[in-house]
Amino acid sequence: MGYRNRQHRWQKLKMIVLRSKVGDVSRAVFPTAKEKFNAFLAVAGLLSAIAAVIVPVFTGD
């Protein structure tokens, strides 16, 4: 087998392993849909607060 085929096989295997680890972490941190939604709202609120501070600095208001 050529190097390209071996490399492609390694990339597929690595993607499967990493995907399962990310899924395990996500389920451990946010086990329910309600907690995932609340985390999304918290991140959105944080981004909004950061924008509220940074935008006036750049616009001079």
N, C-alpha and C. Protein backbone atom coordinates (compact mmCIF):
# COMPACT_ATOMS: atom_id res chain seq x y z
N MET A 1 0.83 -1.18 0.00
CA MET A 1 0.00 0.00 0.00
C MET A 1 0.88 1.25 0.00
N GLY A 2 0.38 2.26 -0.66
CA GLY A 2 1.11 3.51 -0.72
C GLY A 2 0.92 4.34 0.53
N TYR A 3 1.76 5.34 0.65
CA TYR A 3 1.72 6.23 1.81
C TYR A 3 0.37 6.93 1.91
N ARG A 4 -0.16 7.32 0.76
CA ARG A 4 -1.42 8.07 0.75
C ARG A 4 -2.56 7.25 1.35
N ASN A 5 -2.63 5.98 1.00
CA ASN A 5 -3.70 5.12 1.52
C ASN A 5 -3.56 4.91 3.03
N ARG A 6 -2.34 4.71 3.48
CA ARG A 6 -2.12 4.53 4.92
C ARG A 6 -2.46 5.82 5.67
N GLN A 7 -2.09 6.95 5.10
CA GLN A 7 -2.38 8.23 5.74
C GLN A 7 -3.89 8.45 5.82
N HIS A 8 -4.62 8.12 4.77
CA HIS A 8 -6.07 8.29 4.75
C HIS A 8 -6.72 7.39 5.80
N ARG A 9 -6.24 6.17 5.91
CA ARG A 9 -6.79 5.24 6.90
C ARG A 9 -6.53 5.77 8.31
N TRP A 10 -5.34 6.31 8.57
CA TRP A 10 -5.03 6.87 9.88
C TRP A 10 -5.93 8.06 10.18
N GLN A 11 -6.19 8.92 9.19
CA GLN A 11 -7.05 10.08 9.41
C GLN A 11 -8.46 9.65 9.76
N LYS A 12 -8.98 8.62 9.09
CA LYS A 12 -10.32 8.14 9.40
C LYS A 12 -10.38 7.58 10.82
N LEU A 13 -9.38 6.81 11.21
CA LEU A 13 -9.35 6.24 12.55
C LEU A 13 -9.25 7.34 13.59
N LYS A 14 -8.40 8.33 13.36
CA LYS A 14 -8.24 9.44 14.30
C LYS A 14 -9.54 10.21 14.43
N MET A 15 -10.27 10.41 13.34
CA MET A 15 -11.52 11.14 13.37
C MET A 15 -12.56 10.39 14.21
N ILE A 16 -12.59 9.06 14.09
CA ILE A 16 -13.54 8.27 14.87
C ILE A 16 -13.22 8.37 16.36
N VAL A 17 -11.96 8.27 16.72
CA VAL A 17 -11.56 8.32 18.12
C VAL A 17 -11.84 9.69 18.70
N LEU A 18 -11.45 10.75 18.00
CA LEU A 18 -11.67 12.10 18.52
C LEU A 18 -13.16 12.43 18.63
N ARG A 19 -13.93 11.98 17.65
CA ARG A 19 -15.36 12.26 17.67
C ARG A 19 -16.01 11.60 18.89
N SER A 20 -15.62 10.37 19.20
CA SER A 20 -16.21 9.69 20.35
C SER A 20 -15.78 10.35 21.66
N LYS A 21 -14.54 10.84 21.74
CA LYS A 21 -14.10 11.52 22.96
C LYS A 21 -14.86 12.82 23.15
N VAL A 22 -15.07 13.57 22.09
CA VAL A 22 -15.81 14.83 22.19
C VAL A 22 -17.24 14.55 22.62
N GLY A 23 -17.83 13.51 22.08
CA GLY A 23 -19.19 13.14 22.48
C GLY A 23 -19.27 12.74 23.94
N ASP A 24 -18.27 12.00 24.43
CA ASP A 24 -18.24 11.60 25.83
C ASP A 24 -18.13 12.82 26.73
N VAL A 25 -17.27 13.75 26.39
CA VAL A 25 -17.10 14.96 27.19
C VAL A 25 -18.39 15.78 27.18
N SER A 26 -18.99 15.91 26.03
CA SER A 26 -20.23 16.68 25.92
C SER A 26 -21.33 16.06 26.77
N ARG A 27 -21.45 14.74 26.74
CA ARG A 27 -22.48 14.08 27.55
C ARG A 27 -22.17 14.17 29.04
N ALA A 28 -20.90 14.18 29.40
CA ALA A 28 -20.53 14.27 30.82
C ALA A 28 -20.81 15.67 31.37
N VAL A 29 -20.53 16.69 30.57
CA VAL A 29 -20.70 18.06 31.03
C VAL A 29 -22.17 18.49 30.94
N PHE A 30 -22.82 18.15 29.86
CA PHE A 30 -24.22 18.54 29.63
C PHE A 30 -25.06 17.30 29.36
N PRO A 31 -25.49 16.59 30.40
CA PRO A 31 -26.20 15.33 30.18
C PRO A 31 -27.61 15.49 29.61
N THR A 32 -28.24 16.63 29.81
CA THR A 32 -29.61 16.78 29.31
C THR A 32 -29.67 17.93 28.30
N ALA A 33 -30.73 17.90 27.51
CA ALA A 33 -30.92 18.96 26.50
C ALA A 33 -31.14 20.31 27.18
N LYS A 34 -31.79 20.30 28.32
CA LYS A 34 -32.04 21.56 29.04
C LYS A 34 -30.72 22.20 29.46
N GLU A 35 -29.78 21.39 29.93
CA GLU A 35 -28.48 21.93 30.34
C GLU A 35 -27.69 22.43 29.14
N LYS A 36 -27.80 21.77 28.00
CA LYS A 36 -27.13 22.23 26.78
C LYS A 36 -27.69 23.58 26.35
N PHE A 37 -29.01 23.71 26.42
CA PHE A 37 -29.66 24.96 26.04
C PHE A 37 -29.24 26.09 26.99
N ASN A 38 -29.19 25.80 28.28
CA ASN A 38 -28.78 26.80 29.25
C ASN A 38 -27.33 27.22 29.03
N ALA A 39 -26.47 26.29 28.67
CA ALA A 39 -25.08 26.63 28.38
C ALA A 39 -25.00 27.52 27.14
N PHE A 40 -25.80 27.22 26.14
CA PHE A 40 -25.83 28.05 24.94
C PHE A 40 -26.27 29.47 25.29
N LEU A 41 -27.30 29.60 26.12
CA LEU A 41 -27.76 30.93 26.53
C LEU A 41 -26.69 31.67 27.32
N ALA A 42 -25.95 30.95 28.16
CA ALA A 42 -24.90 31.59 28.94
C ALA A 42 -23.79 32.11 28.03
N VAL A 43 -23.41 31.33 27.04
CA VAL A 43 -22.36 31.76 26.10
C VAL A 43 -22.86 32.95 25.28
N ALA A 44 -24.10 32.90 24.85
CA ALA A 44 -24.67 34.01 24.08
C ALA A 44 -24.71 35.29 24.93
N GLY A 45 -25.08 35.17 26.19
CA GLY A 45 -25.09 36.33 27.08
C GLY A 45 -23.70 36.89 27.30
N LEU A 46 -22.72 36.01 27.44
CA LEU A 46 -21.34 36.46 27.62
C LEU A 46 -20.84 37.20 26.38
N LEU A 47 -21.13 36.66 25.21
CA LEU A 47 -20.73 37.34 23.97
C LEU A 47 -21.42 38.69 23.83
N SER A 48 -22.67 38.76 24.22
CA SER A 48 -23.40 40.03 24.17
C SER A 48 -22.78 41.05 25.11
N ALA A 49 -22.40 40.63 26.31
CA ALA A 49 -21.78 41.54 27.26
C ALA A 49 -20.43 42.03 26.75
N ILE A 50 -19.66 41.14 26.17
CA ILE A 50 -18.36 41.53 25.61
C ILE A 50 -18.56 42.54 24.48
N ALA A 51 -19.54 42.29 23.61
CA ALA A 51 -19.81 43.22 22.52
C ALA A 51 -20.26 44.57 23.04
N ALA A 52 -21.04 44.58 24.13
CA ALA A 52 -21.52 45.84 24.70
C ALA A 52 -20.37 46.68 25.25
N VAL A 53 -19.28 46.04 25.64
CA VAL A 53 -18.13 46.76 26.16
C VAL A 53 -17.19 47.18 25.03
N ILE A 54 -16.99 46.31 24.08
CA ILE A 54 -15.99 46.55 23.03
C ILE A 54 -16.48 47.49 21.94
N VAL A 55 -17.73 47.39 21.53
CA VAL A 55 -18.25 48.21 20.42
C VAL A 55 -18.14 49.70 20.73
N PRO A 56 -18.51 50.18 21.90
CA PRO A 56 -18.36 51.62 22.16
C PRO A 56 -16.90 52.08 22.15
N VAL A 57 -15.99 51.21 22.51
CA VAL A 57 -14.58 51.58 22.48
C VAL A 57 -14.14 51.90 21.06
N PHE A 58 -14.58 51.09 20.10
CA PHE A 58 -14.18 51.28 18.71
C PHE A 58 -14.98 52.35 17.99
N THR A 59 -16.20 52.60 18.42
CA THR A 59 -17.03 53.60 17.75
C THR A 59 -16.89 54.97 18.39
N GLY A 60 -16.32 55.04 19.57
CA GLY A 60 -16.11 56.32 20.24
C GLY A 60 -17.32 56.85 20.96
N ASP A 61 -18.29 56.02 21.25
CA ASP A 61 -19.50 56.49 21.95
C ASP A 61 -19.30 56.53 23.44
